[in-house]
Amino acid sequence: MEMIERLVSGTDAAYQRWLASVTDDVVADGVVVCCRESLLERNTTYGIGEWLTGYLMIGQEGDRGFFLRCDGGGGPVFWADLGGLGEVDLTVVAPAFEVWLRSGFALPAEPQADLPLTADVYLDKVPVDAVALLARARKLLGVDWRFADLRGLLAAQPFLAARSAHLYALRRGLENAPELRPYLLYATDQGLEAVWPTDSPESQ
C-alpha cells in the first residue's frame, strides 16, 4: 500500500481530492473508477508497475484501464488495453482528471463501425530506406521480425505484417503514431484498405 500512496501523492490535486471524498468504487456507464481501497488490488493484479512505470491505474472498463501519470505535474487521463506494451499504447481520454470528473467519467466516442473486428494487416509504400519507421511498426504490431530482416521486408512490399490483427485496437494505436498511418492496410475482398481513414482530418 505504501507504493500506491506514493503514486497517489504524485497525481494531480483534483484527483487526490476526489479520492479522499469517496469510500466505494464509482461506476458510470460501465467505467469503474477505483476508490483508495481498490487501487492496490487493481494495480497489482495487472502488474501496472512492471509495464507502465510511474503511472497509476485509477479505473477500468472491461479489458481497458484508465491511468494518471504520477510525476507531480498533473496532466491527462489516459486509457490503454490492459497488458499493452507501455506508454506508446496510451490514448488521452480527457485533458485532466477534473475535466473527466465533470463529464461524469464519459468516454470519447468510439470510431464508427467501418472496420471488421479482425483482418490480416499489410505494410506498403514505406520508403525503402525507412528502417526506423519499420522498426516502429514492428513495435506497434507486436511482431518479432528480426532487425537484420527489415531491409528485406522493405524491398518486398506490400507484405503481410500481422494475421488476424484487432483493427480497432490498431487504429487506437495509430492515434499516437501518425507517421505510420499511410502505410498500414488491411485485407478485404476488394483488395487492401487503409486502417486509418484517409478522409479523417487528422490524416491530412
C-alpha atoms as a PDB file:
ATOM      1  CA  MET A   1       0.000   0.000   0.000  1.00  0.00           C
ATOM      2  CA  GLU A   2       2.969   2.307   0.602  1.00  0.00           C
ATOM      3  CA  MET A   3       3.840   2.174  -3.093  1.00  0.00           C
ATOM      4  CA  ILE A   4       0.262   3.113  -4.049  1.00  0.00           C
ATOM      5  CA  GLU A   5       0.250   6.021  -1.602  1.00  0.00           C
ATOM      6  CA  ARG A   6       3.497   7.265  -3.114  1.00  0.00           C
ATOM      7  CA  LEU A   7       1.989   7.127  -6.607  1.00  0.00           C
ATOM      8  CA  VAL A   8      -1.220   8.840  -5.447  1.00  0.00           C
ATOM      9  CA  SER A   9       0.838  11.654  -3.929  1.00  0.00           C
ATOM     10  CA  GLY A  10       2.285  12.342  -7.392  1.00  0.00           C
ATOM     11  CA  THR A  11      -1.094  12.680  -9.115  1.00  0.00           C
ATOM     12  CA  ASP A  12      -2.876  15.979  -9.608  1.00  0.00           C
ATOM     13  CA  ALA A  13      -4.656  17.696  -6.739  1.00  0.00           C
ATOM     14  CA  ALA A  14      -8.154  17.276  -8.217  1.00  0.00           C
ATOM     15  CA  TYR A  15      -7.762  13.501  -8.286  1.00  0.00           C
ATOM     16  CA  GLN A  16      -6.403  13.409  -4.739  1.00  0.00           C
ATOM     17  CA  ARG A  17      -9.385  15.461  -3.512  1.00  0.00           C
ATOM     18  CA  TRP A  18     -11.825  13.178  -5.311  1.00  0.00           C
ATOM     19  CA  LEU A  19     -10.117  10.055  -3.951  1.00  0.00           C
ATOM     20  CA  ALA A  20     -10.375  11.379  -0.394  1.00  0.00           C
ATOM     21  CA  SER A  21     -14.104  12.023  -0.867  1.00  0.00           C
ATOM     22  CA  VAL A  22     -15.220   8.512  -1.914  1.00  0.00           C
ATOM     23  CA  THR A  23     -15.407   5.288   0.072  1.00  0.00           C
ATOM     24  CA  ASP A  24     -16.508   2.921  -2.714  1.00  0.00           C
ATOM     25  CA  ASP A  25     -15.735   2.411  -6.383  1.00  0.00           C
ATOM     26  CA  VAL A  26     -17.757   4.714  -8.632  1.00  0.00           C
ATOM     27  CA  VAL A  27     -19.472   3.123 -11.651  1.00  0.00           C
ATOM     28  CA  ALA A  28     -20.553   5.270 -14.619  1.00  0.00           C
ATOM     29  CA  ASP A  29     -21.757   3.682 -17.880  1.00  0.00           C
ATOM     30  CA  GLY A  30     -19.541   0.634 -17.473  1.00  0.00           C
ATOM     31  CA  VAL A  31     -16.495   2.583 -16.292  1.00  0.00           C
ATOM     32  CA  VAL A  32     -15.354   1.671 -12.776  1.00  0.00           C
ATOM     33  CA  VAL A  33     -13.270   4.379 -11.100  1.00  0.00           C
ATOM     34  CA  CYS A  34     -11.459   2.897  -8.122  1.00  0.00           C
ATOM     35  CA  CYS A  35     -11.695   4.095  -4.556  1.00  0.00           C
ATOM     36  CA  ARG A  36      -8.495   4.106  -2.486  1.00  0.00           C
ATOM     37  CA  GLU A  37      -9.148   0.602  -1.127  1.00  0.00           C
ATOM     38  CA  SER A  38      -9.289  -0.885  -4.650  1.00  0.00           C
ATOM     39  CA  LEU A  39      -6.168   0.753  -6.068  1.00  0.00           C
ATOM     40  CA  LEU A  40      -3.644  -1.724  -4.671  1.00  0.00           C
ATOM     41  CA  GLU A  41      -5.566  -4.788  -5.878  1.00  0.00           C
ATOM     42  CA  ARG A  42      -6.162  -3.385  -9.391  1.00  0.00           C
ATOM     43  CA  ASN A  43      -2.583  -2.200  -9.920  1.00  0.00           C
ATOM     44  CA  THR A  44      -1.119  -5.426  -8.530  1.00  0.00           C
ATOM     45  CA  THR A  45      -3.426  -7.763 -10.465  1.00  0.00           C
ATOM     46  CA  TYR A  46      -2.453  -6.238 -13.793  1.00  0.00           C
ATOM     47  CA  GLY A  47       1.222  -5.642 -12.952  1.00  0.00           C
ATOM     48  CA  ILE A  48       0.925  -1.977 -13.849  1.00  0.00           C
ATOM     49  CA  GLY A  49       4.227  -1.062 -12.217  1.00  0.00           C
ATOM     50  CA  GLU A  50       6.047  -3.527 -14.490  1.00  0.00           C
ATOM     51  CA  TRP A  51       4.819  -2.310 -17.875  1.00  0.00           C
ATOM     52  CA  LEU A  52       3.781   1.264 -17.109  1.00  0.00           C
ATOM     53  CA  THR A  53       6.234   2.595 -14.534  1.00  0.00           C
ATOM     54  CA  GLY A  54       5.278   5.936 -12.981  1.00  0.00           C
ATOM     55  CA  TYR A  55       1.576   5.583 -13.733  1.00  0.00           C
ATOM     56  CA  LEU A  56      -1.384   4.683 -11.536  1.00  0.00           C
ATOM     57  CA  MET A  57      -4.327   2.681 -12.846  1.00  0.00           C
ATOM     58  CA  ILE A  58      -7.341   4.538 -11.469  1.00  0.00           C
ATOM     59  CA  GLY A  59     -10.166   2.711 -13.211  1.00  0.00           C
ATOM     60  CA  GLN A  60     -11.254   0.045 -15.638  1.00  0.00           C
ATOM     61  CA  GLU A  61     -13.777  -0.724 -18.356  1.00  0.00           C
ATOM     62  CA  GLY A  62     -13.615  -4.391 -19.325  1.00  0.00           C
ATOM     63  CA  ASP A  63     -10.164  -5.049 -20.776  1.00  0.00           C
ATOM     64  CA  ARG A  64      -9.248  -1.367 -20.822  1.00  0.00           C
ATOM     65  CA  GLY A  65      -7.574   0.530 -17.976  1.00  0.00           C
ATOM     66  CA  PHE A  66      -7.507   4.240 -17.128  1.00  0.00           C
ATOM     67  CA  PHE A  67      -4.296   5.858 -15.925  1.00  0.00           C
ATOM     68  CA  LEU A  68      -2.783   9.001 -14.445  1.00  0.00           C
ATOM     69  CA  ARG A  69       0.867   9.978 -14.592  1.00  0.00           C
ATOM     70  CA  CYS A  70       2.424  10.289 -11.143  1.00  0.00           C
ATOM     71  CA  ASP A  71       5.151  12.856 -11.781  1.00  0.00           C
ATOM     72  CA  GLY A  72       3.581  15.669  -9.767  1.00  0.00           C
ATOM     73  CA  GLY A  73       2.696  17.618 -12.877  1.00  0.00           C
ATOM     74  CA  GLY A  74      -0.956  16.687 -13.336  1.00  0.00           C
ATOM     75  CA  GLY A  75      -1.783  16.021 -16.943  1.00  0.00           C
ATOM     76  CA  PRO A  76      -4.263  13.947 -18.918  1.00  0.00           C
ATOM     77  CA  VAL A  77      -6.256  10.843 -18.072  1.00  0.00           C
ATOM     78  CA  PHE A  78      -5.144   8.035 -20.382  1.00  0.00           C
ATOM     79  CA  TRP A  79      -6.542   4.679 -21.391  1.00  0.00           C
ATOM     80  CA  ALA A  80      -4.902   1.563 -22.800  1.00  0.00           C
ATOM     81  CA  ASP A  81      -5.753  -2.068 -23.356  1.00  0.00           C
ATOM     82  CA  LEU A  82      -4.615  -3.945 -20.263  1.00  0.00           C
ATOM     83  CA  GLY A  83      -1.453  -5.877 -20.967  1.00  0.00           C
ATOM     84  CA  GLY A  84      -0.291  -3.297 -23.511  1.00  0.00           C
ATOM     85  CA  LEU A  85       3.325  -2.525 -24.233  1.00  0.00           C
ATOM     86  CA  GLY A  86       3.743   0.729 -22.314  1.00  0.00           C
ATOM     87  CA  GLU A  87       3.489   4.454 -22.868  1.00  0.00           C
ATOM     88  CA  VAL A  88       3.266   4.038 -26.642  1.00  0.00           C
ATOM     89  CA  ASP A  89      -0.175   2.442 -26.167  1.00  0.00           C
ATOM     90  CA  LEU A  90      -1.707   5.266 -24.130  1.00  0.00           C
ATOM     91  CA  THR A  91      -4.567   7.316 -25.570  1.00  0.00           C
ATOM     92  CA  VAL A  92      -5.873  10.511 -23.980  1.00  0.00           C
ATOM     93  CA  VAL A  93      -9.391  10.231 -22.519  1.00  0.00           C
ATOM     94  CA  ALA A  94      -9.517  13.729 -21.028  1.00  0.00           C
ATOM     95  CA  PRO A  95      -7.003  16.583 -20.695  1.00  0.00           C
ATOM     96  CA  ALA A  96      -7.192  16.450 -16.882  1.00  0.00           C
ATOM     97  CA  PHE A  97      -8.907  14.389 -14.186  1.00  0.00           C
ATOM     98  CA  GLU A  98     -11.121  17.308 -13.192  1.00  0.00           C
ATOM     99  CA  VAL A  99     -12.442  17.537 -16.773  1.00  0.00           C
ATOM    100  CA  TRP A 100     -13.157  13.809 -16.813  1.00  0.00           C
ATOM    101  CA  LEU A 101     -14.864  14.025 -13.429  1.00  0.00           C
ATOM    102  CA  ARG A 102     -17.110  16.904 -14.596  1.00  0.00           C
ATOM    103  CA  SER A 103     -18.098  14.871 -17.664  1.00  0.00           C
ATOM    104  CA  GLY A 104     -19.360  12.049 -15.436  1.00  0.00           C
ATOM    105  CA  PHE A 105     -16.399   9.883 -16.496  1.00  0.00           C
ATOM    106  CA  ALA A 106     -17.590   9.952 -20.111  1.00  0.00           C
ATOM    107  CA  LEU A 107     -15.525   8.254 -22.783  1.00  0.00           C
ATOM    108  CA  PRO A 108     -14.617   9.592 -26.217  1.00  0.00           C
ATOM    109  CA  ALA A 109     -16.922   8.381 -28.957  1.00  0.00           C
ATOM    110  CA  GLU A 110     -15.907   5.065 -30.452  1.00  0.00           C
ATOM    111  CA  PRO A 111     -14.970   5.100 -34.131  1.00  0.00           C
ATOM    112  CA  GLN A 112     -17.787   4.298 -36.500  1.00  0.00           C
ATOM    113  CA  ALA A 113     -18.234   0.611 -37.182  1.00  0.00           C
ATOM    114  CA  ASP A 114     -16.486   0.754 -40.555  1.00  0.00           C
ATOM    115  CA  LEU A 115     -13.820  -1.830 -39.790  1.00  0.00           C
ATOM    116  CA  PRO A 116     -14.050  -5.580 -39.364  1.00  0.00           C
ATOM    117  CA  LEU A 117     -13.039  -6.719 -35.886  1.00  0.00           C
ATOM    118  CA  THR A 118     -10.009  -8.597 -37.214  1.00  0.00           C
ATOM    119  CA  ALA A 119      -8.189  -8.835 -40.531  1.00  0.00           C
ATOM    120  CA  ASP A 120      -4.777  -9.552 -41.975  1.00  0.00           C
ATOM    121  CA  VAL A 121      -2.669  -6.383 -41.927  1.00  0.00           C
ATOM    122  CA  TYR A 122      -0.142  -5.428 -44.609  1.00  0.00           C
ATOM    123  CA  LEU A 123       2.535  -2.777 -44.890  1.00  0.00           C
ATOM    124  CA  ASP A 124       3.012  -0.978 -48.195  1.00  0.00           C
ATOM    125  CA  LYS A 125       4.755   2.072 -49.654  1.00  0.00           C
ATOM    126  CA  VAL A 126       7.095   2.564 -46.688  1.00  0.00           C
ATOM    127  CA  PRO A 127      10.164   4.383 -48.079  1.00  0.00           C
ATOM    128  CA  VAL A 128      12.822   1.772 -48.822  1.00  0.00           C
ATOM    129  CA  ASP A 129      15.396   3.484 -46.596  1.00  0.00           C
ATOM    130  CA  ALA A 130      12.999   3.959 -43.636  1.00  0.00           C
ATOM    131  CA  VAL A 131      14.278   1.137 -41.441  1.00  0.00           C
ATOM    132  CA  ALA A 132      13.483   3.109 -38.270  1.00  0.00           C
ATOM    133  CA  LEU A 133       9.875   3.529 -39.431  1.00  0.00           C
ATOM    134  CA  LEU A 134       9.569  -0.199 -39.983  1.00  0.00           C
ATOM    135  CA  ALA A 135      11.011  -0.837 -36.529  1.00  0.00           C
ATOM    136  CA  ARG A 136       8.287   1.428 -35.123  1.00  0.00           C
ATOM    137  CA  ALA A 137       5.639  -0.576 -36.991  1.00  0.00           C
ATOM    138  CA  ARG A 138       7.197  -3.762 -35.590  1.00  0.00           C
ATOM    139  CA  LYS A 139       6.630  -2.489 -32.056  1.00  0.00           C
ATOM    140  CA  LEU A 140       3.103  -1.231 -32.744  1.00  0.00           C
ATOM    141  CA  LEU A 141       2.051  -4.566 -34.247  1.00  0.00           C
ATOM    142  CA  GLY A 142       3.823  -6.644 -31.598  1.00  0.00           C
ATOM    143  CA  VAL A 143       5.580  -8.803 -34.196  1.00  0.00           C
ATOM    144  CA  ASP A 144       9.014 -10.355 -33.874  1.00  0.00           C
ATOM    145  CA  TRP A 145      10.721  -9.563 -37.168  1.00  0.00           C
ATOM    146  CA  ARG A 146      14.487  -9.776 -36.816  1.00  0.00           C
ATOM    147  CA  PHE A 147      16.135  -6.400 -37.204  1.00  0.00           C
ATOM    148  CA  ALA A 148      18.503  -7.978 -39.734  1.00  0.00           C
ATOM    149  CA  ASP A 149      15.489  -8.745 -41.954  1.00  0.00           C
ATOM    150  CA  LEU A 150      13.955  -5.262 -42.003  1.00  0.00           C
ATOM    151  CA  ARG A 151      15.624  -4.086 -45.224  1.00  0.00           C
ATOM    152  CA  GLY A 152      14.476  -7.247 -46.981  1.00  0.00           C
ATOM    153  CA  LEU A 153      10.909  -6.630 -45.841  1.00  0.00           C
ATOM    154  CA  LEU A 154      11.035  -3.074 -47.172  1.00  0.00           C
ATOM    155  CA  ALA A 155      12.096  -4.427 -50.549  1.00  0.00           C
ATOM    156  CA  ALA A 156       9.208  -6.939 -50.581  1.00  0.00           C
ATOM    157  CA  GLN A 157       6.277  -4.531 -50.107  1.00  0.00           C
ATOM    158  CA  PRO A 158       3.386  -4.976 -49.832  1.00  0.00           C
ATOM    159  CA  PHE A 159       3.968  -7.751 -47.293  1.00  0.00           C
ATOM    160  CA  LEU A 160       1.826  -9.465 -44.667  1.00  0.00           C
ATOM    161  CA  ALA A 161       2.679  -7.867 -41.332  1.00  0.00           C
ATOM    162  CA  ALA A 162       0.165  -9.477 -38.944  1.00  0.00           C
ATOM    163  CA  ARG A 163      -2.509 -12.135 -39.274  1.00  0.00           C
ATOM    164  CA  SER A 164      -5.998 -11.579 -37.787  1.00  0.00           C
ATOM    165  CA  ALA A 165      -4.992  -8.296 -36.132  1.00  0.00           C
ATOM    166  CA  HIS A 166      -7.542  -6.487 -33.953  1.00  0.00           C
ATOM    167  CA  LEU A 167      -8.206  -3.461 -36.136  1.00  0.00           C
ATOM    168  CA  TYR A 168      -9.881  -1.148 -33.613  1.00  0.00           C
ATOM    169  CA  ALA A 169      -7.009  -1.613 -31.166  1.00  0.00           C
ATOM    170  CA  LEU A 170      -4.591  -0.973 -34.027  1.00  0.00           C
ATOM    171  CA  ARG A 171      -6.448   2.193 -35.027  1.00  0.00           C
ATOM    172  CA  ARG A 172      -6.246   3.402 -31.407  1.00  0.00           C
ATOM    173  CA  GLY A 173      -2.505   2.775 -31.527  1.00  0.00           C
ATOM    174  CA  LEU A 174      -2.258   4.885 -34.675  1.00  0.00           C
ATOM    175  CA  GLU A 175      -3.724   7.863 -32.800  1.00  0.00           C
ATOM    176  CA  ASN A 176      -0.258   8.218 -31.270  1.00  0.00           C
ATOM    177  CA  ALA A 177       1.698   7.119 -34.343  1.00  0.00           C
ATOM    178  CA  PRO A 178       0.675   9.445 -37.201  1.00  0.00           C
ATOM    179  CA  GLU A 179       3.861   8.653 -39.106  1.00  0.00           C
ATOM    180  CA  LEU A 180       2.636   5.068 -39.630  1.00  0.00           C
ATOM    181  CA  ARG A 181      -0.927   5.822 -40.750  1.00  0.00           C
ATOM    182  CA  PRO A 182      -0.278   5.923 -44.524  1.00  0.00           C
ATOM    183  CA  TYR A 183       1.389   2.510 -44.574  1.00  0.00           C
ATOM    184  CA  LEU A 184      -0.896   0.142 -42.630  1.00  0.00           C
ATOM    185  CA  LEU A 185      -3.556  -1.623 -44.705  1.00  0.00           C
ATOM    186  CA  TYR A 186      -5.937  -4.498 -44.093  1.00  0.00           C
ATOM    187  CA  ALA A 187      -7.139  -7.174 -46.478  1.00  0.00           C
ATOM    188  CA  THR A 188     -10.704  -7.095 -47.852  1.00  0.00           C
ATOM    189  CA  ASP A 189     -12.424  -8.962 -50.666  1.00  0.00           C
ATOM    190  CA  GLN A 190     -11.870  -5.850 -52.796  1.00  0.00           C
ATOM    191  CA  GLY A 191      -8.168  -5.522 -52.014  1.00  0.00           C
ATOM    192  CA  LEU A 192      -6.203  -3.590 -49.400  1.00  0.00           C
ATOM    193  CA  GLU A 193      -7.864  -0.763 -47.426  1.00  0.00           C
ATOM    194  CA  ALA A 194      -6.285   1.784 -45.070  1.00  0.00           C
ATOM    195  CA  VAL A 195      -6.580   1.000 -41.346  1.00  0.00           C
ATOM    196  CA  TRP A 196      -6.569   4.744 -40.642  1.00  0.00           C
ATOM    197  CA  PRO A 197      -9.336   6.502 -42.618  1.00  0.00           C
ATOM    198  CA  THR A 198      -7.724   8.656 -45.277  1.00  0.00           C
ATOM    199  CA  ASP A 199     -10.596  11.167 -45.136  1.00  0.00           C
ATOM    200  CA  SER A 200     -10.015  11.852 -41.427  1.00  0.00           C
ATOM    201  CA  PRO A 201      -8.980  15.488 -40.779  1.00  0.00           C
ATOM    202  CA  GLU A 202      -6.134  14.170 -38.644  1.00  0.00           C
ATOM    203  CA  SER A 203      -4.692  12.303 -41.623  1.00  0.00           C
ATOM    204  CA  GLN A 204      -4.180  15.499 -43.568  1.00  0.00           C
END
